Amino acid sequence: MAKEISIVCDGFTDGLRIDKFLSENCAELSRSYIQKLIAQGLVTVGSEPVKASFKVTDGDEIVFTVPDNTVPDIVPEDIPLDIFYEDSDILIVNKPKGMVVHPASGVFSGTLVNALMFHCAGELSGINGVERPGIVHRIDKDTTGLLVVCKNDKAHKHVAEQLKEHSVTRRYEAICIGSLKDDEGVIDAPIGRNPNDRKKMAINRVNGKDAVTHYRVLERLNGYTHIECRLETGRTHQIRVHMASIGHPLLGDTVYGGERPGFDTEGQCLHAGILGLIHPTTGEYMEFKAELPQYFKELLEKLKR
């Protein structure tokens, strides 16, 4: 049911924007959602609707209504999940190769979200008024590895802020084509939609968003290189685009030039092996590691030979 919330401003908030004040005092609501409620006239001070720029005064009583979440049209499916950790706030899952994270155009079943809807049975975050099934970040269909899923709005907001501040640890292993010149390096290049193909991402210095990838060589393998990549940012296809931009696309990446006859890779060789974050309730740092999938191990052995 929709719920009405009333908050009285204390002695430390005089002059603060109302959207900022509410986002700081309502842990389960994001600032963007609060701004949406304000735009709909659902936030009042002294029984009068206010704008997001309204500055609160000590003693103001803010009253607002939070509508019911909109339930997405996603069918729960009993799909096995490789769960590394689970409590009442978060779930850490190891996604297999070939699984799409969220239903999209042309893909309505068999996704991680379909599986989560079944496994969590309604205990998933609903940030911004839509019962989003806990997805805070994603990895590509053919990328394997670790994802954090949030089971309530407070956890979702907390983890989303960590991602925004680049404080979440995300380390990937990959096989790229060619032998990298340096043992380690940093690729700092903005990523945005490819203006010539909207289905692809590209280095886009006009409309792209900041993107930073740190890489280091783990092993050199007869014309290929086994590398580790650490993300500062989390742009769509970031590692794939960045490595291709320096002439070393990921093996198996048919989108960005990494296809190689004779290698049955079923997409890019990329694994999200390490994920670390601060727990939204305990405040403790937690880190998880998923070993390389079998196909990746077999490719490494083949390249060594």
Protein backbone atom coordinates (compact mmCIF):
# COMPACT_ATOMS: atom_id res chain seq x y z
CA MET A 1 0.00 0.00 0.00
CA ALA A 2 1.01 3.63 -0.53
CA LYS A 3 2.42 5.12 2.65
CA GLU A 4 2.53 8.67 4.02
CA ILE A 5 5.73 9.83 5.71
CA SER A 6 6.19 12.85 7.95
CA ILE A 7 9.58 14.28 8.89
CA VAL A 8 10.37 17.35 11.01
CA CYS A 9 13.60 19.21 10.18
CA ASP A 10 16.06 19.38 13.06
CA GLY A 11 18.62 22.01 14.02
CA PHE A 12 21.29 20.91 11.53
CA THR A 13 19.38 21.22 8.27
CA ASP A 14 18.50 24.92 7.95
CA GLY A 15 19.01 26.04 4.33
CA LEU A 16 19.43 22.55 2.85
CA ARG A 17 17.61 21.69 -0.40
CA ILE A 18 14.59 19.55 0.35
CA ASP A 19 15.54 16.82 -2.15
CA LYS A 20 18.98 16.50 -0.54
CA PHE A 21 17.51 16.56 2.97
CA LEU A 22 15.04 13.78 2.18
CA SER A 23 17.62 11.60 0.41
CA GLU A 24 19.85 11.85 3.49
CA ASN A 25 17.03 11.04 5.89
CA CYS A 26 15.18 8.37 3.92
CA ALA A 27 17.73 5.62 3.39
CA GLU A 28 15.41 3.56 1.18
CA LEU A 29 14.76 6.36 -1.35
CA SER A 30 17.16 7.66 -3.99
CA ARG A 31 17.50 11.38 -4.61
CA SER A 32 16.23 10.98 -8.19
CA TYR A 33 13.09 9.22 -6.94
CA ILE A 34 12.49 11.93 -4.37
CA GLN A 35 12.78 14.53 -7.14
CA LYS A 36 10.20 12.53 -9.09
CA LEU A 37 7.79 12.61 -6.12
CA ILE A 38 8.35 16.36 -5.77
CA ALA A 39 7.62 16.91 -9.47
CA GLN A 40 4.34 15.00 -9.03
CA GLY A 41 3.32 17.34 -6.20
CA LEU A 42 3.50 14.59 -3.58
CA VAL A 43 5.89 16.41 -1.23
CA THR A 44 4.46 19.23 0.90
CA VAL A 45 5.64 21.67 3.56
CA GLY A 46 2.86 23.39 5.49
CA SER A 47 0.32 21.56 3.31
CA GLU A 48 1.77 23.24 0.18
CA PRO A 49 3.59 21.34 -2.60
CA VAL A 50 7.21 22.45 -3.02
CA LYS A 51 9.92 22.34 -5.69
CA ALA A 52 13.14 20.34 -5.42
CA SER A 53 15.07 23.59 -4.91
CA PHE A 54 13.01 24.50 -1.83
CA LYS A 55 15.30 25.10 1.15
CA VAL A 56 14.12 23.70 4.44
CA THR A 57 14.00 25.63 7.68
CA ASP A 58 14.43 24.22 11.16
CA GLY A 59 11.05 23.06 12.41
CA ASP A 60 9.53 22.52 8.96
CA GLU A 61 7.29 19.46 8.77
CA ILE A 62 7.68 17.66 5.47
CA VAL A 63 4.86 15.32 4.49
CA PHE A 64 5.00 13.13 1.41
CA THR A 65 3.39 10.03 -0.04
CA VAL A 66 5.30 7.08 -1.46
CA PRO A 67 3.11 5.21 -4.00
CA ASP A 68 3.08 1.44 -4.30
CA ASN A 69 5.85 -0.07 -6.42
CA THR A 70 4.97 -0.99 -9.97
CA VAL A 71 5.45 -4.72 -10.39
CA PRO A 72 7.38 -5.58 -13.59
CA ASP A 73 5.93 -8.03 -16.06
CA ILE A 74 8.62 -10.65 -15.48
CA VAL A 75 7.81 -14.32 -14.97
CA PRO A 76 9.68 -16.02 -12.08
CA GLU A 77 11.52 -19.13 -13.29
CA ASP A 78 13.08 -21.93 -11.27
CA ILE A 79 16.59 -21.63 -12.70
CA PRO A 80 19.53 -22.89 -10.58
CA LEU A 81 21.78 -20.11 -9.25
CA ASP A 82 25.41 -20.33 -8.13
CA ILE A 83 25.08 -18.30 -4.93
CA PHE A 84 28.28 -17.32 -3.11
CA TYR A 85 26.63 -15.38 -0.28
CA GLU A 86 23.14 -14.40 0.84
CA ASP A 87 21.54 -12.56 3.75
CA SER A 88 18.50 -10.31 4.22
CA ASP A 89 20.19 -7.41 2.38
CA ILE A 90 22.29 -8.73 -0.47
CA LEU A 91 23.01 -11.77 -2.57
CA ILE A 92 26.27 -12.48 -4.43
CA VAL A 93 25.75 -14.66 -7.49
CA ASN A 94 28.18 -16.18 -9.99
CA LYS A 95 26.59 -15.70 -13.43
CA PRO A 96 27.30 -18.38 -16.07
CA LYS A 97 28.24 -17.75 -19.68
CA GLY A 98 25.31 -17.22 -22.03
CA MET A 99 22.89 -15.90 -19.40
CA VAL A 100 21.41 -12.42 -19.93
CA VAL A 101 21.11 -10.40 -16.70
CA HIS A 102 17.83 -8.58 -17.36
CA PRO A 103 14.96 -9.23 -19.80
CA ALA A 104 15.19 -6.97 -22.84
CA SER A 105 13.99 -6.80 -26.42
CA GLY A 106 13.80 -10.35 -27.75
CA VAL A 107 14.86 -11.97 -24.46
CA PHE A 108 12.03 -12.51 -22.00
CA SER A 109 12.98 -15.71 -20.18
CA GLY A 110 15.99 -17.59 -18.93
CA THR A 111 17.59 -14.42 -17.54
CA LEU A 112 19.21 -13.88 -14.17
CA VAL A 113 16.28 -11.68 -13.19
CA ASN A 114 13.77 -14.43 -13.99
CA ALA A 115 15.76 -16.70 -11.68
CA LEU A 116 15.99 -14.05 -8.95
CA MET A 117 12.25 -13.39 -9.04
CA PHE A 118 11.71 -17.08 -8.24
CA HIS A 119 14.52 -17.48 -5.71
CA CYS A 120 13.83 -14.30 -3.72
CA ALA A 121 10.02 -14.44 -3.99
CA GLY A 122 9.32 -10.71 -3.73
CA GLU A 123 12.30 -9.76 -1.55
CA LEU A 124 14.03 -7.53 -4.09
CA SER A 125 14.67 -3.80 -4.25
CA GLY A 126 12.20 -1.42 -5.86
CA ILE A 127 14.18 1.78 -6.29
CA ASN A 128 12.40 4.63 -8.14
CA GLY A 129 8.93 3.13 -7.80
CA VAL A 130 9.48 0.05 -9.95
CA GLU A 131 10.09 -3.31 -8.34
CA ARG A 132 13.47 -3.73 -9.96
CA PRO A 133 14.68 -7.20 -9.13
CA GLY A 134 17.75 -6.09 -7.22
CA ILE A 135 19.97 -5.27 -10.18
CA VAL A 136 22.50 -2.55 -9.31
CA HIS A 137 25.09 -3.38 -11.99
CA ARG A 138 25.33 -5.79 -14.88
CA ILE A 139 27.78 -7.89 -16.84
CA ASP A 140 27.37 -8.93 -20.46
CA LYS A 141 25.63 -12.11 -21.58
CA ASP A 142 28.87 -13.93 -22.42
CA THR A 143 30.86 -12.54 -19.49
CA THR A 144 30.96 -14.85 -16.49
CA GLY A 145 31.38 -13.98 -12.85
CA LEU A 146 30.19 -12.15 -9.78
CA LEU A 147 27.29 -9.74 -9.35
CA VAL A 148 25.75 -8.22 -6.23
CA VAL A 149 21.95 -8.28 -6.02
CA CYS A 150 20.08 -6.10 -3.52
CA LYS A 151 17.07 -7.43 -1.63
CA ASN A 152 15.71 -4.12 -0.31
CA ASP A 153 15.77 -0.44 -1.23
CA LYS A 154 18.14 0.60 1.56
CA ALA A 155 20.76 -1.90 0.38
CA HIS A 156 20.20 -0.89 -3.25
CA LYS A 157 20.82 2.78 -2.50
CA HIS A 158 23.91 1.99 -0.38
CA VAL A 159 25.53 -0.22 -3.03
CA ALA A 160 24.59 2.18 -5.85
CA GLU A 161 26.39 4.97 -3.99
CA GLN A 162 29.49 2.80 -3.66
CA LEU A 163 29.43 2.15 -7.40
CA LYS A 164 29.02 5.87 -8.09
CA GLU A 165 31.98 6.66 -5.83
CA HIS A 166 34.06 3.91 -7.52
CA SER A 167 34.70 2.24 -4.15
CA VAL A 168 33.48 -1.23 -5.20
CA THR A 169 36.33 -3.62 -6.02
CA ARG A 170 35.86 -5.21 -9.45
CA ARG A 171 38.65 -7.28 -10.96
CA TYR A 172 38.28 -9.26 -14.17
CA GLU A 173 40.43 -11.78 -15.99
CA ALA A 174 40.53 -11.80 -19.78
CA ILE A 175 42.44 -13.14 -22.75
CA CYS A 176 43.27 -10.52 -25.34
CA ILE A 177 44.70 -10.90 -28.83
CA GLY A 178 48.35 -9.99 -29.33
CA SER A 179 51.22 -9.40 -26.94
CA LEU A 180 50.87 -6.26 -24.86
CA LYS A 181 53.90 -3.98 -24.98
CA ASP A 182 53.84 -3.11 -21.29
CA ASP A 183 53.29 -5.35 -18.29
CA GLU A 184 50.70 -2.95 -16.94
CA GLY A 185 48.92 0.22 -17.93
CA VAL A 186 45.89 2.48 -17.61
CA ILE A 187 43.34 3.24 -20.33
CA ASP A 188 41.57 6.52 -19.63
CA ALA A 189 39.15 7.19 -22.47
CA PRO A 190 35.45 8.18 -22.41
CA ILE A 191 32.93 5.65 -23.66
CA GLY A 192 29.61 6.35 -25.34
CA ARG A 193 27.38 5.05 -28.12
CA ASN A 194 29.10 4.44 -31.44
CA PRO A 195 27.65 7.18 -33.71
CA ASN A 196 27.82 4.80 -36.68
CA ASP A 197 26.23 1.81 -34.94
CA ARG A 198 23.93 2.40 -31.98
CA LYS A 199 24.21 -1.23 -30.90
CA LYS A 200 27.91 -0.75 -30.17
CA MET A 201 29.87 1.35 -27.71
CA ALA A 202 33.01 3.24 -28.68
CA ILE A 203 35.59 5.74 -27.50
CA ASN A 204 33.50 8.89 -27.73
CA ARG A 205 35.29 12.07 -26.71
CA VAL A 206 32.30 14.28 -27.52
CA ASN A 207 29.36 12.53 -25.85
CA GLY A 208 31.03 9.74 -23.88
CA LYS A 209 31.28 9.31 -20.11
CA ASP A 210 34.55 9.04 -18.22
CA ALA A 211 35.92 5.49 -18.21
CA VAL A 212 39.11 4.19 -16.62
CA THR A 213 40.50 0.64 -16.83
CA HIS A 214 43.72 -0.56 -15.19
CA TYR A 215 45.29 -3.68 -16.72
CA ARG A 216 48.26 -5.89 -15.94
CA VAL A 217 49.73 -8.92 -17.64
CA LEU A 218 49.29 -12.26 -15.89
CA GLU A 219 50.84 -14.43 -18.60
CA ARG A 220 51.99 -14.11 -22.22
CA LEU A 221 50.73 -16.93 -24.44
CA ASN A 222 52.04 -17.27 -28.01
CA GLY A 223 50.39 -14.25 -29.58
CA TYR A 224 47.79 -13.81 -26.83
CA THR A 225 47.91 -12.30 -23.35
CA HIS A 226 46.17 -13.36 -20.17
CA ILE A 227 45.42 -10.15 -18.27
CA GLU A 228 43.71 -8.81 -15.17
CA CYS A 229 41.60 -5.65 -15.47
CA ARG A 230 40.53 -3.45 -12.58
CA LEU A 231 37.63 -1.08 -13.16
CA GLU A 232 37.37 2.41 -11.74
CA THR A 233 34.16 3.04 -13.67
CA GLY A 234 31.53 0.64 -14.99
CA ARG A 235 30.53 1.69 -18.48
CA THR A 236 28.76 -0.66 -20.87
CA HIS A 237 31.31 -2.98 -22.57
CA GLN A 238 34.10 -0.99 -20.90
CA ILE A 239 36.89 -3.58 -20.89
CA ARG A 240 35.96 -4.81 -24.36
CA VAL A 241 35.97 -1.32 -25.86
CA HIS A 242 39.10 -0.17 -24.05
CA MET A 243 41.19 -3.20 -24.97
CA ALA A 244 40.04 -3.01 -28.60
CA SER A 245 40.95 0.68 -28.65
CA ILE A 246 44.62 -0.11 -27.99
CA GLY A 247 44.70 -2.86 -30.61
CA HIS A 248 44.18 -5.83 -28.30
CA PRO A 249 40.50 -6.91 -28.47
CA LEU A 250 39.37 -9.77 -26.26
CA LEU A 251 39.55 -13.24 -27.76
CA GLY A 252 36.10 -14.31 -28.97
CA ASP A 253 34.66 -10.79 -29.02
CA THR A 254 32.94 -10.75 -32.41
CA VAL A 255 31.53 -7.26 -31.78
CA TYR A 256 34.84 -5.48 -31.23
CA GLY A 257 37.19 -7.41 -33.47
CA GLY A 258 38.31 -10.32 -31.32
CA GLU A 259 36.97 -13.22 -33.40
CA ARG A 260 39.47 -15.96 -34.18
CA PRO A 261 38.73 -19.06 -36.32
CA GLY A 262 39.38 -22.30 -34.48
CA PHE A 263 38.48 -21.00 -31.03
CA ASP A 264 35.07 -22.07 -29.77
CA THR A 265 34.71 -19.29 -27.20
CA GLU A 266 30.98 -18.46 -27.44
CA GLY A 267 31.71 -14.76 -26.99
CA GLN A 268 34.45 -12.77 -25.29
CA CYS A 269 36.86 -14.40 -22.84
CA LEU A 270 36.05 -12.25 -19.82
CA HIS A 271 35.43 -13.25 -16.23
CA ALA A 272 34.39 -11.02 -13.29
CA GLY A 273 36.46 -12.90 -10.76
CA ILE A 274 36.70 -10.59 -7.74
CA LEU A 275 33.98 -8.44 -6.21
CA GLY A 276 34.38 -6.44 -3.02
CA LEU A 277 32.04 -4.00 -1.30
CA ILE A 278 30.99 -2.57 2.06
CA HIS A 279 27.99 -4.38 3.49
CA PRO A 280 25.00 -1.96 3.59
CA THR A 281 24.05 -2.86 7.18
CA THR A 282 27.18 -4.04 9.01
CA GLY A 283 29.54 -1.54 7.37
CA GLU A 284 32.14 -4.28 6.99
CA TYR A 285 34.14 -4.78 3.79
CA MET A 286 33.40 -8.11 2.10
CA GLU A 287 35.29 -9.60 -0.84
CA PHE A 288 34.43 -12.64 -2.95
CA LYS A 289 36.38 -14.57 -5.57
CA ALA A 290 35.01 -16.89 -8.27
CA GLU A 291 37.50 -19.19 -9.96
CA LEU A 292 37.82 -19.19 -13.72
CA PRO A 293 35.11 -21.12 -15.57
CA GLN A 294 36.13 -24.40 -17.21
CA TYR A 295 36.06 -23.06 -20.79
CA PHE A 296 38.52 -20.31 -19.79
CA LYS A 297 40.89 -22.76 -18.11
CA GLU A 298 40.82 -25.02 -21.18
CA LEU A 299 41.61 -22.09 -23.49
CA LEU A 300 44.58 -21.12 -21.35
CA GLU A 301 45.94 -24.66 -21.54
CA LYS A 302 45.39 -24.76 -25.31
CA LEU A 303 47.24 -21.46 -25.79
CA LYS A 304 50.13 -22.60 -23.59
CA ARG A 305 50.60 -25.62 -25.85
